Amino acid sequence: MSPDELNHASWDYFGFGHFGFLKLRNHFKKVIGLTPLPMMHMRKRKNGDFVQLLRDDKKKVYKAKDVIFAGQYDPQQQIYGLPDYLGSLQSALLNKDATLFRRAYYKNGAHMGYIFYTSDPNLSDEDDQRLQEALQGAKGPGNFRSMYINIPNGKEKGVQIIPVGDIATKDDFERVKNISTQDIFTGHRFPAGMGGMMPQTGANMPDPIKVSQMYDKYEVIPVCKVFERAVNSDPEVPKHLHMKFDLNIAQDA
């Protein structure tokens, strides 16, 4: 198996919580190789077979005896794996929403819309219509909208522009970004010092060598052992196809 193929299986394991290898056989039904199966559209049948859902309602079936499957634990079901980053998914979505809101805010002219209020009884119907059409043609992106209200016989300040909100008065953008970033790193159990994240004010940058060694020891090596157990424990897989990772980093750390 090439490093790229193993990388593909690793993406499935961390992304979907499980991975699968297809046993490649010769004419004598002997296993001569392994190749990763894409897990995004893979489903498991009651009899243990796997089905890959294709376009146009087509399906590709893999017999249970031809697939090596392993996944992370899920206490609610034991059919598929459950990735452990799901707890930080809402923080990632919050980070996305905060960024999109910030972009829309600046694209809208650094304001969140306004209420164009008039109370002048001398305002003609034609002028009223022109104002409405002008505001409708100036709608901002996303949820930023402006509103026109005409109240005849109003009091002083017959024409006003009332802002809906001012982001400058209470800007939580930086705080939201920092908190959600921390949650995402924590959800993936990934050290911030290895993810290119700058430490907050007053904090020190950890030693990347030591962080890397501890991360390998407690996160990478256990996953390597999952792959080894899944492949090496299959009685049909010959020894020359067994997985053997360099786990010496565990002792060095």
C-alpha atoms as a PDB file:
ATOM      1  CA  MET A   1       0.000   0.000   0.000  1.00  0.00           C
ATOM      2  CA  SER A   2       1.376   3.386  -0.984  1.00  0.00           C
ATOM      3  CA  PRO A   3       1.633   6.285   1.503  1.00  0.00           C
ATOM      4  CA  ASP A   4      -1.042   8.142  -0.481  1.00  0.00           C
ATOM      5  CA  GLU A   5      -3.483   5.250  -0.129  1.00  0.00           C
ATOM      6  CA  LEU A   6      -2.855   5.073   3.605  1.00  0.00           C
ATOM      7  CA  ASN A   7      -3.386   8.831   3.769  1.00  0.00           C
ATOM      8  CA  HIS A   8      -6.786   8.409   2.083  1.00  0.00           C
ATOM      9  CA  ALA A   9      -7.820   5.826   4.675  1.00  0.00           C
ATOM     10  CA  SER A  10      -6.643   8.139   7.451  1.00  0.00           C
ATOM     11  CA  TRP A  11      -8.817  10.949   6.101  1.00  0.00           C
ATOM     12  CA  ASP A  12     -11.833   8.638   6.272  1.00  0.00           C
ATOM     13  CA  TYR A  13     -10.978   7.570   9.815  1.00  0.00           C
ATOM     14  CA  PHE A  14     -10.653  11.105  11.160  1.00  0.00           C
ATOM     15  CA  GLY A  15     -13.415  12.572   8.994  1.00  0.00           C
ATOM     16  CA  PHE A  16     -16.116   9.914   9.256  1.00  0.00           C
ATOM     17  CA  GLY A  17     -14.914   7.898  12.237  1.00  0.00           C
ATOM     18  CA  HIS A  18     -14.143   4.699  10.318  1.00  0.00           C
ATOM     19  CA  PHE A  19     -12.124   3.295   7.429  1.00  0.00           C
ATOM     20  CA  GLY A  20     -12.264   0.308   5.128  1.00  0.00           C
ATOM     21  CA  PHE A  21      -9.724  -1.657   3.090  1.00  0.00           C
ATOM     22  CA  LEU A  22     -10.701  -3.807   0.125  1.00  0.00           C
ATOM     23  CA  LYS A  23      -8.810  -7.070  -0.224  1.00  0.00           C
ATOM     24  CA  LEU A  24      -7.368  -7.497  -3.710  1.00  0.00           C
ATOM     25  CA  ARG A  25      -7.304 -11.162  -4.765  1.00  0.00           C
ATOM     26  CA  ASN A  26      -5.639 -13.152  -7.531  1.00  0.00           C
ATOM     27  CA  HIS A  27      -7.189 -15.937  -9.582  1.00  0.00           C
ATOM     28  CA  PHE A  28      -6.677 -18.336  -6.682  1.00  0.00           C
ATOM     29  CA  LYS A  29      -8.685 -16.071  -4.331  1.00  0.00           C
ATOM     30  CA  LYS A  30      -5.550 -15.270  -2.346  1.00  0.00           C
ATOM     31  CA  VAL A  31      -5.133 -11.757  -0.948  1.00  0.00           C
ATOM     32  CA  ILE A  32      -2.298  -9.993  -2.780  1.00  0.00           C
ATOM     33  CA  GLY A  33      -2.953  -6.385  -1.770  1.00  0.00           C
ATOM     34  CA  LEU A  34      -5.123  -3.859   0.018  1.00  0.00           C
ATOM     35  CA  THR A  35      -6.666  -0.645  -1.200  1.00  0.00           C
ATOM     36  CA  PRO A  36      -8.755   1.927   0.719  1.00  0.00           C
ATOM     37  CA  LEU A  37     -12.476   2.228   0.087  1.00  0.00           C
ATOM     38  CA  PRO A  38     -14.046   5.727   0.027  1.00  0.00           C
ATOM     39  CA  MET A  39     -16.309   5.879   3.054  1.00  0.00           C
ATOM     40  CA  MET A  40     -18.470   8.948   2.388  1.00  0.00           C
ATOM     41  CA  HIS A  41     -21.177   7.080   0.456  1.00  0.00           C
ATOM     42  CA  MET A  42     -20.518   3.626   1.899  1.00  0.00           C
ATOM     43  CA  ARG A  43     -23.311   1.819   3.739  1.00  0.00           C
ATOM     44  CA  LYS A  44     -23.311  -1.457   5.636  1.00  0.00           C
ATOM     45  CA  ARG A  45     -26.006  -4.080   5.136  1.00  0.00           C
ATOM     46  CA  LYS A  46     -27.462  -6.302   7.833  1.00  0.00           C
ATOM     47  CA  ASN A  47     -25.563  -9.300   6.473  1.00  0.00           C
ATOM     48  CA  GLY A  48     -22.249  -7.437   6.802  1.00  0.00           C
ATOM     49  CA  ASP A  49     -21.799  -6.574   3.124  1.00  0.00           C
ATOM     50  CA  PHE A  50     -20.909  -3.019   2.129  1.00  0.00           C
ATOM     51  CA  VAL A  51     -22.648  -0.981  -0.547  1.00  0.00           C
ATOM     52  CA  GLN A  52     -21.212   2.093  -2.232  1.00  0.00           C
ATOM     53  CA  LEU A  53     -23.963   4.468  -3.367  1.00  0.00           C
ATOM     54  CA  LEU A  54     -23.237   5.779  -6.862  1.00  0.00           C
ATOM     55  CA  ARG A  55     -24.959   8.251  -9.154  1.00  0.00           C
ATOM     56  CA  ASP A  56     -28.206   7.495 -10.970  1.00  0.00           C
ATOM     57  CA  ASP A  57     -29.304   5.215  -8.108  1.00  0.00           C
ATOM     58  CA  LYS A  58     -26.552   2.716  -8.939  1.00  0.00           C
ATOM     59  CA  LYS A  59     -24.810   0.644  -6.267  1.00  0.00           C
ATOM     60  CA  LYS A  60     -21.588  -1.279  -5.959  1.00  0.00           C
ATOM     61  CA  VAL A  61     -21.569  -4.184  -3.505  1.00  0.00           C
ATOM     62  CA  TYR A  62     -18.536  -5.462  -1.608  1.00  0.00           C
ATOM     63  CA  LYS A  63     -18.788  -8.776   0.207  1.00  0.00           C
ATOM     64  CA  ALA A  64     -18.134  -8.681   3.948  1.00  0.00           C
ATOM     65  CA  LYS A  65     -15.252 -11.172   3.586  1.00  0.00           C
ATOM     66  CA  ASP A  66     -13.496  -8.793   1.166  1.00  0.00           C
ATOM     67  CA  VAL A  67     -13.537  -5.718   3.425  1.00  0.00           C
ATOM     68  CA  ILE A  68     -11.457  -4.881   6.494  1.00  0.00           C
ATOM     69  CA  PHE A  69     -13.469  -2.347   8.471  1.00  0.00           C
ATOM     70  CA  ALA A  70     -12.709  -0.545  11.737  1.00  0.00           C
ATOM     71  CA  GLY A  71     -14.030   2.585  13.387  1.00  0.00           C
ATOM     72  CA  GLN A  72     -14.158   4.749  16.463  1.00  0.00           C
ATOM     73  CA  TYR A  73     -16.599   3.817  19.202  1.00  0.00           C
ATOM     74  CA  ASP A  74     -20.148   5.110  19.330  1.00  0.00           C
ATOM     75  CA  PRO A  75     -22.218   4.184  22.425  1.00  0.00           C
ATOM     76  CA  GLN A  76     -25.491   4.546  20.480  1.00  0.00           C
ATOM     77  CA  GLN A  77     -24.713   2.191  17.600  1.00  0.00           C
ATOM     78  CA  GLN A  78     -21.977  -0.216  16.557  1.00  0.00           C
ATOM     79  CA  ILE A  79     -22.410  -0.134  12.782  1.00  0.00           C
ATOM     80  CA  TYR A  80     -20.381   2.942  11.887  1.00  0.00           C
ATOM     81  CA  GLY A  81     -17.700   4.925  13.652  1.00  0.00           C
ATOM     82  CA  LEU A  82     -18.268   8.300  15.283  1.00  0.00           C
ATOM     83  CA  PRO A  83     -15.583  11.002  14.887  1.00  0.00           C
ATOM     84  CA  ASP A  84     -14.704  12.688  18.164  1.00  0.00           C
ATOM     85  CA  TYR A  85     -14.596  16.218  16.726  1.00  0.00           C
ATOM     86  CA  LEU A  86     -18.400  16.460  16.478  1.00  0.00           C
ATOM     87  CA  GLY A  87     -18.521  18.180  19.866  1.00  0.00           C
ATOM     88  CA  SER A  88     -16.735  21.203  18.391  1.00  0.00           C
ATOM     89  CA  LEU A  89     -18.831  21.354  15.222  1.00  0.00           C
ATOM     90  CA  GLN A  90     -21.080  24.135  16.543  1.00  0.00           C
ATOM     91  CA  SER A  91     -18.003  26.223  17.384  1.00  0.00           C
ATOM     92  CA  ALA A  92     -16.749  25.770  13.836  1.00  0.00           C
ATOM     93  CA  LEU A  93     -20.140  26.893  12.482  1.00  0.00           C
ATOM     94  CA  LEU A  94     -20.098  29.892  14.838  1.00  0.00           C
ATOM     95  CA  ASN A  95     -16.660  30.817  13.511  1.00  0.00           C
ATOM     96  CA  LYS A  96     -18.005  30.581   9.958  1.00  0.00           C
ATOM     97  CA  ASP A  97     -21.092  32.698  10.742  1.00  0.00           C
ATOM     98  CA  ALA A  98     -19.000  35.368  12.462  1.00  0.00           C
ATOM     99  CA  THR A  99     -16.692  35.623   9.461  1.00  0.00           C
ATOM    100  CA  LEU A 100     -19.544  35.763   6.936  1.00  0.00           C
ATOM    101  CA  PHE A 101     -21.332  38.399   9.025  1.00  0.00           C
ATOM    102  CA  ARG A 102     -18.189  40.507   9.155  1.00  0.00           C
ATOM    103  CA  ARG A 103     -17.732  40.297   5.391  1.00  0.00           C
ATOM    104  CA  ALA A 104     -21.381  41.176   4.717  1.00  0.00           C
ATOM    105  CA  TYR A 105     -21.117  44.096   7.140  1.00  0.00           C
ATOM    106  CA  TYR A 106     -18.252  45.703   5.223  1.00  0.00           C
ATOM    107  CA  LYS A 107     -19.754  44.883   1.823  1.00  0.00           C
ATOM    108  CA  ASN A 108     -22.890  46.687   2.993  1.00  0.00           C
ATOM    109  CA  GLY A 109     -20.932  49.890   3.600  1.00  0.00           C
ATOM    110  CA  ALA A 110     -19.990  49.274   7.258  1.00  0.00           C
ATOM    111  CA  HIS A 111     -23.561  49.440   8.511  1.00  0.00           C
ATOM    112  CA  MET A 112     -26.319  46.934   9.244  1.00  0.00           C
ATOM    113  CA  GLY A 113     -29.103  48.741   7.456  1.00  0.00           C
ATOM    114  CA  TYR A 114     -31.350  51.524   8.719  1.00  0.00           C
ATOM    115  CA  ILE A 115     -34.929  52.749   9.028  1.00  0.00           C
ATOM    116  CA  PHE A 116     -35.639  55.721   6.731  1.00  0.00           C
ATOM    117  CA  TYR A 117     -38.380  57.510   8.676  1.00  0.00           C
ATOM    118  CA  THR A 118     -40.433  60.417   7.314  1.00  0.00           C
ATOM    119  CA  SER A 119     -43.323  62.296   8.893  1.00  0.00           C
ATOM    120  CA  ASP A 120     -43.736  65.217   6.517  1.00  0.00           C
ATOM    121  CA  PRO A 121     -47.411  65.518   5.376  1.00  0.00           C
ATOM    122  CA  ASN A 122     -46.269  67.513   2.339  1.00  0.00           C
ATOM    123  CA  LEU A 123     -44.405  64.507   0.928  1.00  0.00           C
ATOM    124  CA  SER A 124     -46.137  63.620  -2.336  1.00  0.00           C
ATOM    125  CA  ASP A 125     -47.074  60.131  -3.409  1.00  0.00           C
ATOM    126  CA  GLU A 126     -44.572  60.352  -6.263  1.00  0.00           C
ATOM    127  CA  ASP A 127     -41.720  61.241  -3.908  1.00  0.00           C
ATOM    128  CA  ASP A 128     -42.816  58.471  -1.573  1.00  0.00           C
ATOM    129  CA  GLN A 129     -42.689  55.955  -4.425  1.00  0.00           C
ATOM    130  CA  ARG A 130     -39.253  57.147  -5.561  1.00  0.00           C
ATOM    131  CA  LEU A 131     -37.839  56.745  -2.054  1.00  0.00           C
ATOM    132  CA  GLN A 132     -39.193  53.213  -1.772  1.00  0.00           C
ATOM    133  CA  GLU A 133     -37.751  52.235  -5.149  1.00  0.00           C
ATOM    134  CA  ALA A 134     -34.376  53.754  -4.264  1.00  0.00           C
ATOM    135  CA  LEU A 135     -34.203  51.790  -1.011  1.00  0.00           C
ATOM    136  CA  GLN A 136     -35.268  48.562  -2.666  1.00  0.00           C
ATOM    137  CA  GLY A 137     -32.496  48.990  -5.227  1.00  0.00           C
ATOM    138  CA  ALA A 138     -29.921  49.487  -2.471  1.00  0.00           C
ATOM    139  CA  LYS A 139     -30.505  46.282  -0.498  1.00  0.00           C
ATOM    140  CA  GLY A 140     -27.401  44.960   1.151  1.00  0.00           C
ATOM    141  CA  PRO A 141     -26.092  41.369   1.231  1.00  0.00           C
ATOM    142  CA  GLY A 142     -27.374  38.729   3.586  1.00  0.00           C
ATOM    143  CA  ASN A 143     -29.831  39.902   6.238  1.00  0.00           C
ATOM    144  CA  PHE A 144     -28.844  43.559   6.018  1.00  0.00           C
ATOM    145  CA  ARG A 145     -31.937  45.376   4.853  1.00  0.00           C
ATOM    146  CA  SER A 146     -33.179  48.944   5.054  1.00  0.00           C
ATOM    147  CA  MET A 147     -36.763  49.967   5.730  1.00  0.00           C
ATOM    148  CA  TYR A 148     -38.803  52.959   4.642  1.00  0.00           C
ATOM    149  CA  ILE A 149     -41.643  54.265   6.861  1.00  0.00           C
ATOM    150  CA  ASN A 150     -43.853  57.259   6.064  1.00  0.00           C
ATOM    151  CA  ILE A 151     -45.970  58.671   8.916  1.00  0.00           C
ATOM    152  CA  PRO A 152     -47.869  61.809   7.760  1.00  0.00           C
ATOM    153  CA  ASN A 153     -48.472  64.662  10.210  1.00  0.00           C
ATOM    154  CA  GLY A 154     -45.526  63.616  12.319  1.00  0.00           C
ATOM    155  CA  LYS A 155     -43.694  65.901  14.701  1.00  0.00           C
ATOM    156  CA  GLU A 156     -40.286  67.528  14.408  1.00  0.00           C
ATOM    157  CA  LYS A 157     -37.463  65.939  12.472  1.00  0.00           C
ATOM    158  CA  GLY A 158     -39.715  65.073   9.579  1.00  0.00           C
ATOM    159  CA  VAL A 159     -36.996  63.044   7.869  1.00  0.00           C
ATOM    160  CA  GLN A 160     -34.613  60.817   9.851  1.00  0.00           C
ATOM    161  CA  ILE A 161     -32.229  57.938   9.181  1.00  0.00           C
ATOM    162  CA  ILE A 162     -32.278  55.566  12.156  1.00  0.00           C
ATOM    163  CA  PRO A 163     -29.484  52.928  12.164  1.00  0.00           C
ATOM    164  CA  VAL A 164     -30.617  49.412  13.004  1.00  0.00           C
ATOM    165  CA  GLY A 165     -27.398  48.618  14.824  1.00  0.00           C
ATOM    166  CA  ASP A 166     -23.809  49.707  15.141  1.00  0.00           C
ATOM    167  CA  ILE A 167     -21.231  46.959  15.189  1.00  0.00           C
ATOM    168  CA  ALA A 168     -18.620  49.352  16.518  1.00  0.00           C
ATOM    169  CA  THR A 169     -20.435  49.826  19.838  1.00  0.00           C
ATOM    170  CA  LYS A 170     -20.099  46.177  20.825  1.00  0.00           C
ATOM    171  CA  ASP A 171     -17.853  44.167  18.566  1.00  0.00           C
ATOM    172  CA  ASP A 172     -17.530  40.544  19.747  1.00  0.00           C
ATOM    173  CA  PHE A 173     -15.919  39.385  16.511  1.00  0.00           C
ATOM    174  CA  GLU A 174     -12.399  38.961  17.888  1.00  0.00           C
ATOM    175  CA  ARG A 175     -13.614  37.222  21.040  1.00  0.00           C
ATOM    176  CA  VAL A 176     -15.843  34.851  19.062  1.00  0.00           C
ATOM    177  CA  LYS A 177     -12.971  33.964  16.726  1.00  0.00           C
ATOM    178  CA  ASN A 178     -10.574  33.270  19.598  1.00  0.00           C
ATOM    179  CA  ILE A 179     -13.015  31.145  21.595  1.00  0.00           C
ATOM    180  CA  SER A 180     -14.221  29.127  18.617  1.00  0.00           C
ATOM    181  CA  THR A 181     -10.625  28.517  17.506  1.00  0.00           C
ATOM    182  CA  GLN A 182      -9.779  27.150  20.931  1.00  0.00           C
ATOM    183  CA  ASP A 183     -12.861  24.906  20.840  1.00  0.00           C
ATOM    184  CA  ILE A 184     -11.938  23.544  17.408  1.00  0.00           C
ATOM    185  CA  PHE A 185      -8.390  22.692  18.472  1.00  0.00           C
ATOM    186  CA  THR A 186      -9.732  21.069  21.637  1.00  0.00           C
ATOM    187  CA  GLY A 187     -12.343  19.108  19.701  1.00  0.00           C
ATOM    188  CA  HIS A 188      -9.645  17.608  17.496  1.00  0.00           C
ATOM    189  CA  ARG A 189      -7.308  17.239  20.500  1.00  0.00           C
ATOM    190  CA  PHE A 190      -4.712  19.056  18.422  1.00  0.00           C
ATOM    191  CA  PRO A 191      -2.051  21.175  20.166  1.00  0.00           C
ATOM    192  CA  ALA A 192      -2.395  24.846  19.346  1.00  0.00           C
ATOM    193  CA  GLY A 193       1.385  25.148  19.146  1.00  0.00           C
ATOM    194  CA  MET A 194       1.381  22.774  16.154  1.00  0.00           C
ATOM    195  CA  GLY A 195      -1.573  24.360  14.389  1.00  0.00           C
ATOM    196  CA  GLY A 196       0.005  27.737  13.652  1.00  0.00           C
ATOM    197  CA  MET A 197      -2.117  29.441  16.314  1.00  0.00           C
ATOM    198  CA  MET A 198      -0.401  32.363  17.998  1.00  0.00           C
ATOM    199  CA  PRO A 199      -0.550  32.330  21.810  1.00  0.00           C
ATOM    200  CA  GLN A 200      -2.716  34.895  23.534  1.00  0.00           C
ATOM    201  CA  THR A 201      -1.226  37.916  25.215  1.00  0.00           C
ATOM    202  CA  GLY A 202       0.902  36.871  28.182  1.00  0.00           C
ATOM    203  CA  ALA A 203       1.127  33.218  27.122  1.00  0.00           C
ATOM    204  CA  ASN A 204       4.285  31.485  25.941  1.00  0.00           C
ATOM    205  CA  MET A 205       4.722  29.456  22.775  1.00  0.00           C
ATOM    206  CA  PRO A 206       5.328  25.805  23.744  1.00  0.00           C
ATOM    207  CA  ASP A 207       8.352  23.879  22.529  1.00  0.00           C
ATOM    208  CA  PRO A 208       7.202  22.422  19.172  1.00  0.00           C
ATOM    209  CA  ILE A 209       9.542  19.417  19.474  1.00  0.00           C
ATOM    210  CA  LYS A 210       8.155  18.347  22.849  1.00  0.00           C
ATOM    211  CA  VAL A 211       4.586  19.071  21.767  1.00  0.00           C
ATOM    212  CA  SER A 212       5.067  16.974  18.644  1.00  0.00           C
ATOM    213  CA  GLN A 213       6.505  14.051  20.624  1.00  0.00           C
ATOM    214  CA  MET A 214       3.646  14.039  23.124  1.00  0.00           C
ATOM    215  CA  TYR A 215       1.077  14.393  20.351  1.00  0.00           C
ATOM    216  CA  ASP A 216       2.582  11.430  18.527  1.00  0.00           C
ATOM    217  CA  LYS A 217       2.627   9.386  21.720  1.00  0.00           C
ATOM    218  CA  TYR A 218      -0.960   9.981  22.823  1.00  0.00           C
ATOM    219  CA  GLU A 219      -2.783  10.658  19.525  1.00  0.00           C
ATOM    220  CA  VAL A 220      -0.927   9.379  16.453  1.00  0.00           C
ATOM    221  CA  ILE A 221       0.442   6.094  17.810  1.00  0.00           C
ATOM    222  CA  PRO A 222      -2.947   4.852  19.166  1.00  0.00           C
ATOM    223  CA  VAL A 223      -4.422   5.387  15.690  1.00  0.00           C
ATOM    224  CA  CYS A 224      -1.493   3.506  14.132  1.00  0.00           C
ATOM    225  CA  LYS A 225      -2.263   0.593  16.460  1.00  0.00           C
ATOM    226  CA  VAL A 226      -5.918   0.646  15.347  1.00  0.00           C
ATOM    227  CA  PHE A 227      -4.794   0.224  11.728  1.00  0.00           C
ATOM    228  CA  GLU A 228      -2.308  -2.485  12.677  1.00  0.00           C
ATOM    229  CA  ARG A 229      -4.856  -4.505  14.644  1.00  0.00           C
ATOM    230  CA  ALA A 230      -7.490  -4.253  11.918  1.00  0.00           C
ATOM    231  CA  VAL A 231      -5.181  -5.456   9.142  1.00  0.00           C
ATOM    232  CA  ASN A 232      -2.817  -7.808  10.969  1.00  0.00           C
ATOM    233  CA  SER A 233      -5.573  -9.704  12.789  1.00  0.00           C
ATOM    234  CA  ASP A 234      -7.299 -10.689   9.549  1.00  0.00           C
ATOM    235  CA  PRO A 235      -6.405 -14.350   8.893  1.00  0.00           C
ATOM    236  CA  GLU A 236      -6.561 -13.891   5.110  1.00  0.00           C
ATOM    237  CA  VAL A 237      -3.938 -11.149   5.003  1.00  0.00           C
ATOM    238  CA  PRO A 238      -0.428 -12.611   4.540  1.00  0.00           C
ATOM    239  CA  LYS A 239       2.375 -11.406   6.775  1.00  0.00           C
ATOM    240  CA  HIS A 240       4.146  -9.494   4.018  1.00  0.00           C
ATOM    241  CA  LEU A 241       1.036  -7.267   3.805  1.00  0.00           C
ATOM    242  CA  HIS A 242       0.873  -6.642   7.545  1.00  0.00           C
ATOM    243  CA  MET A 243       1.167  -3.044   8.689  1.00  0.00           C
ATOM    244  CA  LYS A 244       4.170  -2.130  10.768  1.00  0.00           C
ATOM    245  CA  PHE A 245       4.574   1.453  11.950  1.00  0.00           C
ATOM    246  CA  ASP A 246       7.646   2.941  13.593  1.00  0.00           C
ATOM    247  CA  LEU A 247       6.447   3.395  17.163  1.00  0.00           C
ATOM    248  CA  ASN A 248       9.824   4.249  18.686  1.00  0.00           C
ATOM    249  CA  ILE A 249       8.681   7.839  19.193  1.00  0.00           C
ATOM    250  CA  ALA A 250       6.570   6.545  22.112  1.00  0.00           C
ATOM    251  CA  GLN A 251       9.697   5.460  23.940  1.00  0.00           C
ATOM    252  CA  ASP A 252      11.612   8.636  23.058  1.00  0.00           C
ATOM    253  CA  ALA A 253       8.821  10.805  24.465  1.00  0.00           C
END
